[in-house]
Amino acid sequence: MVRARQRWREGRDRLAQRTGVPPRTVSRILARHQMPPIAALDPVTGALIRSVKATGHRYERGAPGD
């Protein structure tokens, strides 16, 4: 499944149609192998162009406006 994703650069629904595997199973396999979403990849090269939205740093204050 990972090779198919790298080869065709398609999302889970199209990969499911090509391989005959249910879409939910395809998404679980891709998540297990930490494959980024298609929207985060460069369409030509397939390289990761967008960083993850989650950040490792949170600044919490005691009161709003501090």
C-alpha atoms as a PDB file:
ATOM      1  CA  MET A   1       0.000   0.000   0.000  1.00  0.00           C
ATOM      2  CA  VAL A   2       2.840   2.388   0.834  1.00  0.00           C
ATOM      3  CA  ARG A   3       4.547   1.632  -2.483  1.00  0.00           C
ATOM      4  CA  ALA A   4       1.272   2.238  -4.322  1.00  0.00           C
ATOM      5  CA  ARG A   5       0.922   5.594  -2.565  1.00  0.00           C
ATOM      6  CA  GLN A   6       4.464   6.590  -3.491  1.00  0.00           C
ATOM      7  CA  ARG A   7       4.072   5.396  -7.058  1.00  0.00           C
ATOM      8  CA  TRP A   8       0.697   6.939  -7.908  1.00  0.00           C
ATOM      9  CA  ARG A   9       0.537   9.780  -5.342  1.00  0.00           C
ATOM     10  CA  GLU A  10      -3.175   9.328  -4.808  1.00  0.00           C
ATOM     11  CA  GLY A  11      -5.443   9.587  -1.801  1.00  0.00           C
ATOM     12  CA  ARG A  12      -7.030   6.758   0.136  1.00  0.00           C
ATOM     13  CA  ASP A  13     -10.203   6.536  -1.967  1.00  0.00           C
ATOM     14  CA  ARG A  14      -8.396   6.147  -5.274  1.00  0.00           C
ATOM     15  CA  LEU A  15      -5.899   3.735  -3.774  1.00  0.00           C
ATOM     16  CA  ALA A  16      -8.807   1.710  -2.423  1.00  0.00           C
ATOM     17  CA  GLN A  17     -10.340   1.488  -5.913  1.00  0.00           C
ATOM     18  CA  ARG A  18      -7.042   0.458  -7.492  1.00  0.00           C
ATOM     19  CA  THR A  19      -6.167  -2.172  -4.906  1.00  0.00           C
ATOM     20  CA  GLY A  20      -9.608  -3.452  -3.925  1.00  0.00           C
ATOM     21  CA  VAL A  21      -8.978  -2.735  -0.235  1.00  0.00           C
ATOM     22  CA  PRO A  22     -11.593  -0.768   1.771  1.00  0.00           C
ATOM     23  CA  PRO A  23     -10.765   2.964   2.112  1.00  0.00           C
ATOM     24  CA  ARG A  24     -10.703   2.818   5.915  1.00  0.00           C
ATOM     25  CA  THR A  25      -8.105   0.054   5.796  1.00  0.00           C
ATOM     26  CA  VAL A  26      -6.001   2.075   3.355  1.00  0.00           C
ATOM     27  CA  SER A  27      -6.099   5.092   5.666  1.00  0.00           C
ATOM     28  CA  ARG A  28      -5.097   2.950   8.663  1.00  0.00           C
ATOM     29  CA  ILE A  29      -2.148   1.487   6.751  1.00  0.00           C
ATOM     30  CA  LEU A  30      -0.986   4.927   5.620  1.00  0.00           C
ATOM     31  CA  ALA A  31      -1.332   6.303   9.162  1.00  0.00           C
ATOM     32  CA  ARG A  32       0.631   3.363  10.580  1.00  0.00           C
ATOM     33  CA  HIS A  33       3.490   4.174   8.219  1.00  0.00           C
ATOM     34  CA  GLN A  34       3.181   7.909   8.970  1.00  0.00           C
ATOM     35  CA  MET A  35       2.435   8.893   5.393  1.00  0.00           C
ATOM     36  CA  PRO A  36       1.411  12.583   5.168  1.00  0.00           C
ATOM     37  CA  PRO A  37      -1.853  13.621   3.499  1.00  0.00           C
ATOM     38  CA  ILE A  38      -1.775  14.260  -0.248  1.00  0.00           C
ATOM     39  CA  ALA A  39      -2.504  17.972   0.376  1.00  0.00           C
ATOM     40  CA  ALA A  40       0.804  18.267   2.249  1.00  0.00           C
ATOM     41  CA  LEU A  41       2.869  16.938  -0.683  1.00  0.00           C
ATOM     42  CA  ASP A  42       4.325  18.675  -3.706  1.00  0.00           C
ATOM     43  CA  PRO A  43       2.343  17.437  -6.738  1.00  0.00           C
ATOM     44  CA  VAL A  44       5.421  17.102  -8.947  1.00  0.00           C
ATOM     45  CA  THR A  45       8.056  15.646  -6.644  1.00  0.00           C
ATOM     46  CA  GLY A  46       5.953  14.139  -3.865  1.00  0.00           C
ATOM     47  CA  ALA A  47       8.137  15.839  -1.250  1.00  0.00           C
ATOM     48  CA  LEU A  48       6.618  17.164   1.962  1.00  0.00           C
ATOM     49  CA  ILE A  49       6.025  20.911   1.560  1.00  0.00           C
ATOM     50  CA  ARG A  50       3.749  21.711   4.485  1.00  0.00           C
ATOM     51  CA  SER A  51       4.694  21.302   8.078  1.00  0.00           C
ATOM     52  CA  VAL A  52       2.484  19.745  10.691  1.00  0.00           C
ATOM     53  CA  LYS A  53      -0.116  22.083  12.197  1.00  0.00           C
ATOM     54  CA  ALA A  54       0.572  20.931  15.745  1.00  0.00           C
ATOM     55  CA  THR A  55       3.272  22.768  17.603  1.00  0.00           C
ATOM     56  CA  GLY A  56       5.484  21.524  20.371  1.00  0.00           C
ATOM     57  CA  HIS A  57       5.426  24.812  22.294  1.00  0.00           C
ATOM     58  CA  ARG A  58       2.433  26.080  24.235  1.00  0.00           C
ATOM     59  CA  TYR A  59       2.467  29.233  26.219  1.00  0.00           C
ATOM     60  CA  GLU A  60      -0.024  29.127  29.050  1.00  0.00           C
ATOM     61  CA  ARG A  61      -0.637  32.082  31.300  1.00  0.00           C
ATOM     62  CA  GLY A  62      -2.375  32.380  34.644  1.00  0.00           C
ATOM     63  CA  ALA A  63      -4.953  34.873  33.381  1.00  0.00           C
ATOM     64  CA  PRO A  64      -6.040  36.134  29.973  1.00  0.00           C
ATOM     65  CA  GLY A  65      -3.944  39.049  28.739  1.00  0.00           C
ATOM     66  CA  ASP A  66      -0.881  38.337  30.887  1.00  0.00           C
END
